[in-house]
Amino acid sequence: MAKKNNRTLWIVLGVVLLLVLIVIGSYNGLITADETVDEKWANVQTAYQRRADLIPNLVDTVQAAVEFEQETHTQIAAVRTSAVAAQQSMASANTPAEISAASKQVESAIAGFSGLNINVERYPDLKATENFLSLQDELAGTENRVKVERDIFNKAVKNYNLKVRRFPSNMIAGLFGFEKREMFEADEGTNVAPTDIFE
């Protein structure tokens, strides 16, 4: 009889121990899944912050390059006009006074060209078009990062929600207050692509 009671006690203790291990395993799994969801959402926010930091800087960089190019093209046009005028003056000069005046015009055109040359040498790549292409690439890359992080977040939420809803971890979730989490959903109207990014 004592052996039977002893055996029953061991069976009961084994079952209790198994239940405790199931509770501990489920609880720890829920904690891990919950923390993973928080981590993945933080990654989404990091991608948002990167976009918020990057886009204005890129636009400012491209804007500065465009303004520099416009200024340089204006200077080139002025130097070209000055050089053509000096050439015509020199060709039509007949008197020493006209030749002297034309010579000063040539010197002025050369000085304008030298100033332009120094300016261009400081910025050898005047390519606003390439800057715009870079901006487009960075925008696309940034949006891809945001999308990837959102997808990873949604997967983490799915894994967590499965633990919250599946047996036996659903009982532990209910007991300790773990609730289903919401996946990322796009705002209403975001299915229409924006067209006014540079306005």
Protein backbone atom coordinates (compact mmCIF):
# COMPACT_ATOMS: atom_id res chain seq x y z
CA MET A 1 0.00 0.00 0.00
CA ALA A 2 2.83 2.37 0.87
CA LYS A 3 4.50 1.57 -2.42
CA LYS A 4 1.30 2.37 -4.27
CA ASN A 5 0.89 5.70 -2.43
CA ASN A 6 4.54 6.48 -3.02
CA ARG A 7 4.11 5.72 -6.72
CA THR A 8 0.98 7.86 -6.93
CA LEU A 9 2.83 10.70 -5.20
CA TRP A 10 5.64 10.49 -7.75
CA ILE A 11 3.14 10.50 -10.62
CA VAL A 12 1.34 13.54 -9.18
CA LEU A 13 4.66 15.33 -8.61
CA GLY A 14 5.73 14.46 -12.17
CA VAL A 15 2.48 15.83 -13.60
CA VAL A 16 2.77 18.99 -11.46
CA LEU A 17 6.39 19.42 -12.53
CA LEU A 18 5.40 18.94 -16.18
CA LEU A 19 2.63 21.53 -15.82
CA VAL A 20 5.04 23.97 -14.15
CA LEU A 21 7.53 23.47 -16.98
CA ILE A 22 4.78 24.02 -19.57
CA VAL A 23 3.69 27.22 -17.79
CA ILE A 24 7.28 28.48 -17.52
CA GLY A 25 8.05 27.59 -21.15
CA SER A 26 4.86 29.20 -22.43
CA TYR A 27 5.35 32.32 -20.32
CA ASN A 28 8.97 32.73 -21.42
CA GLY A 29 7.98 32.14 -25.04
CA LEU A 30 5.30 34.83 -24.77
CA ILE A 31 7.77 37.27 -23.18
CA THR A 32 10.31 36.58 -25.94
CA ALA A 33 7.70 37.01 -28.68
CA ASP A 34 6.38 40.21 -27.07
CA GLU A 35 9.89 41.69 -26.82
CA THR A 36 10.59 40.68 -30.43
CA VAL A 37 7.49 42.59 -31.55
CA ASP A 38 8.69 45.67 -29.64
CA GLU A 39 12.16 45.33 -31.16
CA LYS A 40 10.80 45.02 -34.70
CA TRP A 41 8.56 48.05 -34.20
CA ALA A 42 11.61 50.00 -32.99
CA ASN A 43 13.33 49.00 -36.25
CA VAL A 44 10.36 50.38 -38.20
CA GLN A 45 10.68 53.64 -36.26
CA THR A 46 14.41 53.71 -36.99
CA ALA A 47 13.65 53.39 -40.70
CA TYR A 48 11.12 56.22 -40.38
CA GLN A 49 13.72 58.38 -38.63
CA ARG A 50 16.30 57.59 -41.31
CA ARG A 51 13.81 58.71 -43.93
CA ALA A 52 12.96 61.84 -41.96
CA ASP A 53 16.67 62.69 -41.60
CA LEU A 54 17.76 61.70 -45.09
CA ILE A 55 15.15 63.16 -47.41
CA PRO A 56 15.48 66.85 -46.43
CA ASN A 57 19.29 66.57 -46.57
CA LEU A 58 19.17 64.98 -50.02
CA VAL A 59 16.75 67.57 -51.31
CA ASP A 60 18.94 70.37 -49.93
CA THR A 61 22.03 68.82 -51.57
CA VAL A 62 20.33 68.51 -54.93
CA GLN A 63 18.88 72.02 -54.63
CA ALA A 64 22.35 73.45 -53.91
CA ALA A 65 23.81 71.57 -56.90
CA VAL A 66 21.02 72.86 -59.15
CA GLU A 67 21.52 76.44 -57.96
CA PHE A 68 25.29 76.15 -58.43
CA GLU A 69 24.81 74.75 -61.92
CA GLN A 70 22.38 77.51 -62.83
CA GLU A 71 24.79 80.14 -61.53
CA THR A 72 27.69 78.54 -63.42
CA HIS A 73 25.68 78.29 -66.65
CA THR A 74 24.74 81.96 -66.28
CA GLN A 75 28.42 82.85 -65.82
CA ILE A 76 29.38 80.75 -68.85
CA ALA A 77 26.78 82.53 -70.98
CA ALA A 78 28.07 85.92 -69.79
CA VAL A 79 31.70 84.96 -70.55
CA ARG A 80 30.68 83.64 -73.99
CA THR A 81 28.79 86.85 -74.77
CA SER A 82 31.75 88.92 -73.58
CA ALA A 83 34.20 86.86 -75.67
CA VAL A 84 32.06 87.17 -78.83
CA ALA A 85 31.72 90.92 -78.29
CA ALA A 86 35.50 91.26 -77.72
CA GLN A 87 36.19 89.23 -80.87
CA GLN A 88 33.86 91.42 -82.93
CA SER A 89 35.36 94.60 -81.45
CA MET A 90 38.88 93.40 -82.24
CA ALA A 91 37.88 92.44 -85.80
CA SER A 92 36.28 95.82 -86.47
CA ALA A 93 38.91 97.97 -84.68
CA ASN A 94 40.77 100.27 -87.06
CA THR A 95 42.17 103.07 -84.94
CA PRO A 96 44.59 102.77 -82.03
CA ALA A 97 41.83 103.89 -79.64
CA GLU A 98 39.46 101.23 -80.97
CA ILE A 99 42.21 98.60 -80.78
CA SER A 100 42.99 99.64 -77.17
CA ALA A 101 39.28 99.48 -76.24
CA ALA A 102 38.92 96.09 -77.94
CA SER A 103 42.06 94.86 -76.16
CA LYS A 104 40.54 95.84 -72.81
CA GLN A 105 37.38 93.97 -73.79
CA VAL A 106 39.46 90.86 -74.56
CA GLU A 107 41.27 91.19 -71.20
CA SER A 108 37.91 91.51 -69.45
CA ALA A 109 36.63 88.36 -71.23
CA ILE A 110 39.81 86.49 -70.25
CA ALA A 111 39.42 87.63 -66.62
CA GLY A 112 35.79 86.43 -66.65
CA PHE A 113 36.89 83.10 -68.07
CA SER A 114 39.68 82.76 -65.46
CA GLY A 115 37.23 83.45 -62.65
CA LEU A 116 34.81 80.93 -64.09
CA ASN A 117 37.59 78.37 -64.50
CA ILE A 118 38.60 78.71 -60.82
CA ASN A 119 34.97 78.36 -59.77
CA VAL A 120 34.47 75.25 -61.91
CA GLU A 121 37.75 73.68 -60.73
CA ARG A 122 36.43 73.77 -57.16
CA TYR A 123 33.36 71.84 -58.34
CA PRO A 124 34.50 69.61 -61.21
CA ASP A 125 31.25 67.64 -61.46
CA LEU A 126 28.42 69.94 -62.40
CA LYS A 127 25.81 67.25 -62.88
CA ALA A 128 22.45 68.08 -61.32
CA THR A 129 20.89 65.30 -63.39
CA GLU A 130 23.08 62.74 -61.63
CA ASN A 131 22.15 64.30 -58.30
CA PHE A 132 18.47 63.89 -59.15
CA LEU A 133 19.08 60.26 -60.09
CA SER A 134 20.92 59.77 -56.79
CA LEU A 135 18.01 61.36 -54.96
CA GLN A 136 15.58 58.99 -56.68
CA ASP A 137 17.76 55.99 -55.79
CA GLU A 138 18.02 57.08 -52.16
CA LEU A 139 14.27 57.67 -51.96
CA ALA A 140 13.57 54.23 -53.42
CA GLY A 141 16.13 52.62 -51.11
CA THR A 142 14.70 54.36 -48.07
CA GLU A 143 11.15 53.34 -48.90
CA ASN A 144 12.33 49.75 -49.46
CA ARG A 145 13.96 49.75 -46.02
CA VAL A 146 10.77 51.01 -44.43
CA LYS A 147 8.75 48.31 -46.21
CA VAL A 148 11.17 45.54 -45.21
CA GLU A 149 11.07 46.64 -41.56
CA ARG A 150 7.26 46.77 -41.63
CA ASP A 151 7.14 43.26 -43.10
CA ILE A 152 9.52 41.96 -40.41
CA PHE A 153 7.37 43.65 -37.76
CA ASN A 154 4.21 42.05 -39.12
CA LYS A 155 5.87 38.64 -39.10
CA ALA A 156 6.90 39.12 -35.46
CA VAL A 157 3.33 40.16 -34.58
CA LYS A 158 1.99 37.08 -36.35
CA ASN A 159 4.34 34.79 -34.39
CA TYR A 160 3.37 36.49 -31.12
CA ASN A 161 -0.35 36.34 -31.90
CA LEU A 162 -0.07 32.63 -32.69
CA LYS A 163 1.42 32.04 -29.23
CA VAL A 164 -1.33 34.11 -27.62
CA ARG A 165 -4.06 32.12 -29.42
CA ARG A 166 -2.67 28.55 -29.51
CA PHE A 167 -3.25 26.00 -26.81
CA PRO A 168 -1.79 25.69 -24.16
CA SER A 169 0.04 29.03 -24.31
CA ASN A 170 -3.31 30.81 -24.79
CA MET A 171 -4.22 29.85 -21.21
CA ILE A 172 -0.94 31.29 -19.93
CA ALA A 173 -1.45 34.40 -22.06
CA GLY A 174 -4.92 34.91 -20.59
CA LEU A 175 -3.64 34.27 -17.07
CA PHE A 176 -0.79 36.81 -17.35
CA GLY A 177 -2.57 39.44 -19.48
CA PHE A 178 -0.86 38.93 -22.85
CA GLU A 179 -3.18 40.31 -25.52
CA LYS A 180 -3.22 40.05 -29.29
CA ARG A 181 -1.14 42.75 -31.00
CA GLU A 182 -2.10 44.68 -34.13
CA MET A 183 -0.11 44.38 -37.34
CA PHE A 184 1.02 47.42 -39.27
CA GLU A 185 -1.66 48.64 -41.63
CA ALA A 186 -1.27 51.39 -44.20
CA ASP A 187 -3.19 54.62 -43.67
CA GLU A 188 -6.31 55.10 -45.69
CA GLY A 189 -5.52 56.56 -49.11
CA THR A 190 -1.88 55.47 -49.16
CA ASN A 191 -2.65 53.08 -51.98
CA VAL A 192 -2.43 56.15 -54.25
CA ALA A 193 1.16 57.10 -55.10
CA PRO A 194 2.20 60.66 -54.11
CA THR A 195 2.81 63.02 -57.03
CA ASP A 196 3.78 66.27 -55.27
CA ILE A 197 7.08 65.34 -53.58
CA PHE A 198 8.97 68.36 -54.97
CA GLU A 199 6.19 70.91 -54.55
